[in-house]
Amino acid sequence: MKAGMPFVRMICTICLLALFIYSPKPSAAQSPDSKPLAAKSAIQIATEQSDTSDPPRTFKERFYDYSSSTFSPGALFTPSVSAGISQARNFPPEWKQGGEGFGKRVASSYGGVVIENTISLGFSSLDHEDLRYPLSTYPKTAILKRAGHAVSYTFVPKKEGGGRRFGWSRLIGGYGAGFVANTWYPAKHSDTRNALYLGSVNLAGDLGVNLLKEFIRPHFVFGSTRKGSTAKKDDEKKGS
């Protein structure tokens, strides 16, 4: 599993980058003639998007998001992609190739999704994190800004009551699921290195889903994310 370690380091780097982007920067005092909007950096604008205070979510609301992202047909998307990659790598080789091998790999990946989402549900409820992905308000042509928005909100989600915080529930859920899934791998490959690799794959899947939510709208709503126009109308109603 030596090939998996660069992948683990990549995910850790993304987490640290997201935390750095979120960290508040001291702002210099502005004169009355200054233009505060123009002075704001793109990072600050991205951080401020969708940070409005929302009422605390009930467990019923959280469980609905959990069930829709865990037991809907779309929940098989990332496990299928992950299984396809493992099939191409023939890992683990004990699971063989063909339909049987692919089925085992899909079942393994989907089991990791169920465990990750279950752990994240519990920790996010205790930590008051809101793991729903808020679509950005950037224009379609702002590809890099929209991608940065997806990365930022994957690892630094909203929190109840306003603001943002580092997504410990997603981190614990992803790597916790990796260590649990590692137990049903063949003994030859069931080690810490493989568990960390599986955890990193889980986090990469979360990021991939949020990127899909961001870039395939408004033609398709992936998971429980609302269309941008609908979300905007709802926000305007709240403000009025």
Protein backbone atom coordinates (compact mmCIF):
# COMPACT_ATOMS: atom_id res chain seq x y z
CA MET A 1 0.00 0.00 0.00
CA LYS A 2 2.92 2.37 -0.50
CA ALA A 3 0.98 3.99 -3.31
CA GLY A 4 -1.68 5.05 -0.82
CA MET A 5 0.52 7.27 1.34
CA PRO A 6 0.79 10.20 -1.11
CA PHE A 7 -3.01 10.14 -1.23
CA VAL A 8 -3.16 10.36 2.58
CA ARG A 9 -0.73 13.27 2.59
CA MET A 10 -2.78 15.02 -0.09
CA ILE A 11 -5.96 14.84 2.00
CA CYS A 12 -4.12 16.07 5.11
CA THR A 13 -2.73 18.97 3.08
CA ILE A 14 -6.22 19.89 1.85
CA CYS A 15 -7.53 19.84 5.44
CA LEU A 16 -4.75 22.14 6.61
CA LEU A 17 -5.29 24.44 3.63
CA ALA A 18 -9.00 24.69 4.37
CA LEU A 19 -8.26 25.48 8.02
CA PHE A 20 -5.77 28.17 6.94
CA ILE A 21 -8.31 29.72 4.56
CA TYR A 22 -10.93 29.82 7.27
CA SER A 23 -8.66 31.32 9.94
CA PRO A 24 -9.77 34.93 10.48
CA LYS A 25 -7.25 37.56 9.49
CA PRO A 26 -6.94 40.84 11.44
CA SER A 27 -8.31 43.68 9.38
CA ALA A 28 -6.82 47.15 9.38
CA ALA A 29 -8.99 50.11 10.32
CA GLN A 30 -10.62 51.72 7.31
CA SER A 31 -11.23 55.38 6.75
CA PRO A 32 -14.72 56.67 5.86
CA ASP A 33 -13.58 57.13 2.28
CA SER A 34 -12.37 53.56 1.89
CA LYS A 35 -14.28 50.95 -0.08
CA PRO A 36 -14.74 47.93 2.19
CA LEU A 37 -16.15 45.67 -0.51
CA ALA A 38 -13.27 46.30 -2.85
CA ALA A 39 -10.74 45.78 -0.06
CA LYS A 40 -11.99 42.31 0.76
CA SER A 41 -10.06 39.44 -0.67
CA ALA A 42 -11.63 36.56 -2.54
CA ILE A 43 -10.89 34.28 0.43
CA GLN A 44 -12.74 36.59 2.84
CA ILE A 45 -15.73 36.79 0.50
CA ALA A 46 -15.82 33.00 0.19
CA THR A 47 -15.67 32.65 3.96
CA GLU A 48 -18.56 35.06 4.46
CA GLN A 49 -20.86 33.35 1.95
CA SER A 50 -23.78 31.48 3.51
CA ASP A 51 -22.60 32.28 7.05
CA THR A 52 -25.95 33.67 8.11
CA SER A 53 -27.30 32.46 11.42
CA ASP A 54 -29.80 29.60 11.10
CA PRO A 55 -32.02 28.21 13.86
CA PRO A 56 -30.75 25.04 15.57
CA ARG A 57 -31.58 21.92 13.61
CA THR A 58 -33.66 19.16 15.13
CA PHE A 59 -32.46 15.58 15.18
CA LYS A 60 -35.31 14.72 12.83
CA GLU A 61 -33.95 17.18 10.26
CA ARG A 62 -30.42 15.83 10.66
CA PHE A 63 -31.63 12.25 10.36
CA TYR A 64 -33.49 13.10 7.15
CA ASP A 65 -30.26 14.44 5.61
CA TYR A 66 -28.42 11.38 6.91
CA SER A 67 -30.90 8.91 5.43
CA SER A 68 -31.09 10.71 2.07
CA SER A 69 -27.31 10.79 1.71
CA THR A 70 -26.80 7.23 3.00
CA PHE A 71 -29.67 5.12 1.68
CA SER A 72 -30.68 6.88 -1.54
CA PRO A 73 -29.61 5.52 -4.97
CA GLY A 74 -27.11 8.41 -5.23
CA ALA A 75 -25.28 7.04 -2.19
CA LEU A 76 -23.88 4.29 -4.43
CA PHE A 77 -22.09 6.76 -6.68
CA THR A 78 -18.85 7.23 -4.73
CA PRO A 79 -18.65 3.54 -3.67
CA SER A 80 -18.98 2.54 -7.32
CA VAL A 81 -16.21 4.93 -8.37
CA SER A 82 -13.97 3.75 -5.53
CA ALA A 83 -14.71 0.11 -6.39
CA GLY A 84 -13.85 0.75 -10.02
CA ILE A 85 -10.47 2.20 -9.04
CA SER A 86 -9.77 -0.74 -6.72
CA GLN A 87 -10.84 -3.13 -9.47
CA ALA A 88 -8.38 -1.53 -11.89
CA ARG A 89 -5.63 -1.81 -9.27
CA ASN A 90 -6.74 -5.37 -8.46
CA PHE A 91 -6.72 -4.53 -4.76
CA PRO A 92 -7.04 -6.56 -2.74
CA PRO A 93 -6.13 -9.37 -5.14
CA GLU A 94 -7.88 -11.92 -2.88
CA TRP A 95 -11.23 -10.45 -3.98
CA LYS A 96 -10.38 -11.33 -7.59
CA GLN A 97 -11.80 -9.72 -10.74
CA GLY A 98 -15.08 -9.92 -12.62
CA GLY A 99 -18.55 -9.22 -11.31
CA GLU A 100 -17.99 -11.01 -8.03
CA GLY A 101 -14.86 -9.00 -7.23
CA PHE A 102 -16.51 -5.72 -8.21
CA GLY A 103 -19.52 -6.56 -6.03
CA LYS A 104 -17.28 -7.18 -3.01
CA ARG A 105 -15.48 -3.88 -3.56
CA VAL A 106 -18.74 -1.93 -3.95
CA ALA A 107 -20.13 -3.54 -0.78
CA SER A 108 -16.95 -2.70 1.10
CA SER A 109 -16.95 0.93 -0.06
CA TYR A 110 -20.66 1.36 0.63
CA GLY A 111 -20.20 -0.11 4.10
CA GLY A 112 -17.59 2.58 4.71
CA VAL A 113 -20.06 5.27 3.59
CA VAL A 114 -22.73 4.02 6.01
CA ILE A 115 -20.26 3.94 8.91
CA GLU A 116 -18.79 7.35 8.06
CA ASN A 117 -22.19 9.03 7.80
CA THR A 118 -23.37 7.42 11.03
CA ILE A 119 -20.31 8.59 12.97
CA SER A 120 -20.54 12.06 11.41
CA LEU A 121 -24.23 12.30 12.33
CA GLY A 122 -23.44 11.72 16.00
CA PHE A 123 -20.44 14.03 16.22
CA SER A 124 -22.00 16.84 14.17
CA SER A 125 -25.05 16.77 16.47
CA LEU A 126 -22.82 17.13 19.53
CA ASP A 127 -20.55 19.71 17.91
CA HIS A 128 -23.43 21.63 16.27
CA GLU A 129 -21.90 21.41 12.81
CA ASP A 130 -24.06 21.80 9.71
CA LEU A 131 -22.65 19.43 7.11
CA ARG A 132 -25.05 20.51 4.37
CA TYR A 133 -23.23 22.05 1.42
CA PRO A 134 -24.28 25.65 0.61
CA LEU A 135 -24.02 26.41 -3.10
CA SER A 136 -21.80 29.38 -3.90
CA THR A 137 -23.10 32.58 -5.47
CA TYR A 138 -20.19 32.87 -7.89
CA PRO A 139 -20.94 33.03 -11.64
CA LYS A 140 -20.53 29.85 -13.68
CA THR A 141 -17.29 31.11 -15.22
CA ALA A 142 -15.57 31.48 -11.81
CA ILE A 143 -14.33 27.89 -11.89
CA LEU A 144 -11.45 28.23 -9.41
CA LYS A 145 -13.49 30.24 -6.90
CA ARG A 146 -16.32 27.73 -7.02
CA ALA A 147 -13.89 24.85 -6.58
CA GLY A 148 -12.27 26.67 -3.64
CA HIS A 149 -15.72 27.21 -2.14
CA ALA A 150 -16.40 23.46 -2.35
CA VAL A 151 -13.06 22.58 -0.74
CA SER A 152 -13.55 25.14 2.01
CA TYR A 153 -17.05 24.04 2.99
CA THR A 154 -16.13 20.36 2.84
CA PHE A 155 -13.55 20.68 5.60
CA VAL A 156 -14.75 23.87 7.35
CA PRO A 157 -18.57 23.64 7.40
CA LYS A 158 -21.11 26.02 8.87
CA LYS A 159 -22.01 25.81 12.52
CA GLU A 160 -25.36 26.39 14.14
CA GLY A 161 -25.75 29.93 15.39
CA GLY A 162 -23.59 31.36 12.59
CA GLY A 163 -19.95 31.25 11.58
CA ARG A 164 -17.79 28.31 10.59
CA ARG A 165 -15.69 25.72 12.34
CA PHE A 166 -13.31 22.95 11.35
CA GLY A 167 -15.26 19.81 10.43
CA TRP A 168 -14.09 17.43 13.13
CA SER A 169 -17.16 15.24 12.62
CA ARG A 170 -16.26 14.66 8.97
CA LEU A 171 -12.61 13.98 9.81
CA ILE A 172 -13.46 11.57 12.63
CA GLY A 173 -16.20 9.95 10.56
CA GLY A 174 -13.98 9.47 7.51
CA TYR A 175 -10.99 7.96 9.30
CA GLY A 176 -13.14 6.13 11.86
CA ALA A 177 -14.93 4.41 8.99
CA GLY A 178 -11.56 3.66 7.39
CA PHE A 179 -10.34 1.82 10.46
CA VAL A 180 -13.61 -0.12 10.81
CA ALA A 181 -13.67 -1.09 7.11
CA ASN A 182 -10.04 -2.13 7.40
CA THR A 183 -11.09 -5.03 9.66
CA TRP A 184 -12.87 -6.91 6.86
CA TYR A 185 -9.95 -6.68 4.44
CA PRO A 186 -7.76 -9.78 4.00
CA ALA A 187 -5.30 -10.11 6.89
CA LYS A 188 -2.35 -9.53 4.56
CA HIS A 189 -3.55 -6.00 3.79
CA SER A 190 -5.42 -5.11 6.98
CA ASP A 191 -2.92 -2.71 8.52
CA THR A 192 -2.78 0.91 9.67
CA ARG A 193 -1.54 2.09 6.29
CA ASN A 194 -4.60 0.65 4.58
CA ALA A 195 -6.94 2.11 7.23
CA LEU A 196 -5.50 5.59 6.66
CA TYR A 197 -5.81 5.13 2.92
CA LEU A 198 -9.48 4.14 3.25
CA GLY A 199 -10.14 7.14 5.49
CA SER A 200 -8.56 9.47 2.94
CA VAL A 201 -10.68 7.90 0.20
CA ASN A 202 -13.78 8.67 2.31
CA LEU A 203 -12.80 12.34 2.63
CA ALA A 204 -12.00 12.52 -1.08
CA GLY A 205 -15.47 11.12 -1.79
CA ASP A 206 -17.06 13.83 0.38
CA LEU A 207 -15.15 16.49 -1.52
CA GLY A 208 -16.09 14.93 -4.85
CA VAL A 209 -19.80 14.95 -3.95
CA ASN A 210 -19.65 18.63 -2.98
CA LEU A 211 -17.87 19.46 -6.22
CA LEU A 212 -20.64 17.68 -8.10
CA LYS A 213 -23.26 19.63 -6.16
CA GLU A 214 -21.49 22.86 -7.09
CA PHE A 215 -20.82 22.25 -10.76
CA ILE A 216 -23.80 20.25 -12.02
CA ARG A 217 -26.46 22.64 -10.73
CA PRO A 218 -29.09 23.83 -11.55
CA HIS A 219 -29.82 21.00 -13.96
CA PHE A 220 -29.57 18.36 -11.26
CA VAL A 221 -29.81 18.41 -7.48
CA PHE A 222 -27.28 15.96 -6.02
CA GLY A 223 -28.32 14.64 -2.62
CA SER A 224 -30.25 17.11 -0.47
CA THR A 225 -28.73 20.32 -1.86
CA ARG A 226 -31.34 22.78 -3.09
CA LYS A 227 -31.09 24.55 -6.43
CA GLY A 228 -29.36 27.88 -6.22
CA SER A 229 -32.43 29.85 -7.28
CA THR A 230 -34.64 28.14 -4.71
CA ALA A 231 -32.13 28.65 -1.94
CA LYS A 232 -31.78 32.32 -2.84
CA LYS A 233 -35.54 32.85 -2.73
CA ASP A 234 -35.77 31.14 0.65
CA ASP A 235 -32.97 33.31 2.03
CA GLU A 236 -34.71 36.43 0.76
CA LYS A 237 -37.93 35.36 2.52
CA LYS A 238 -36.01 34.89 5.77
CA GLY A 239 -34.52 38.36 5.49
CA SER A 240 -37.85 40.04 4.82
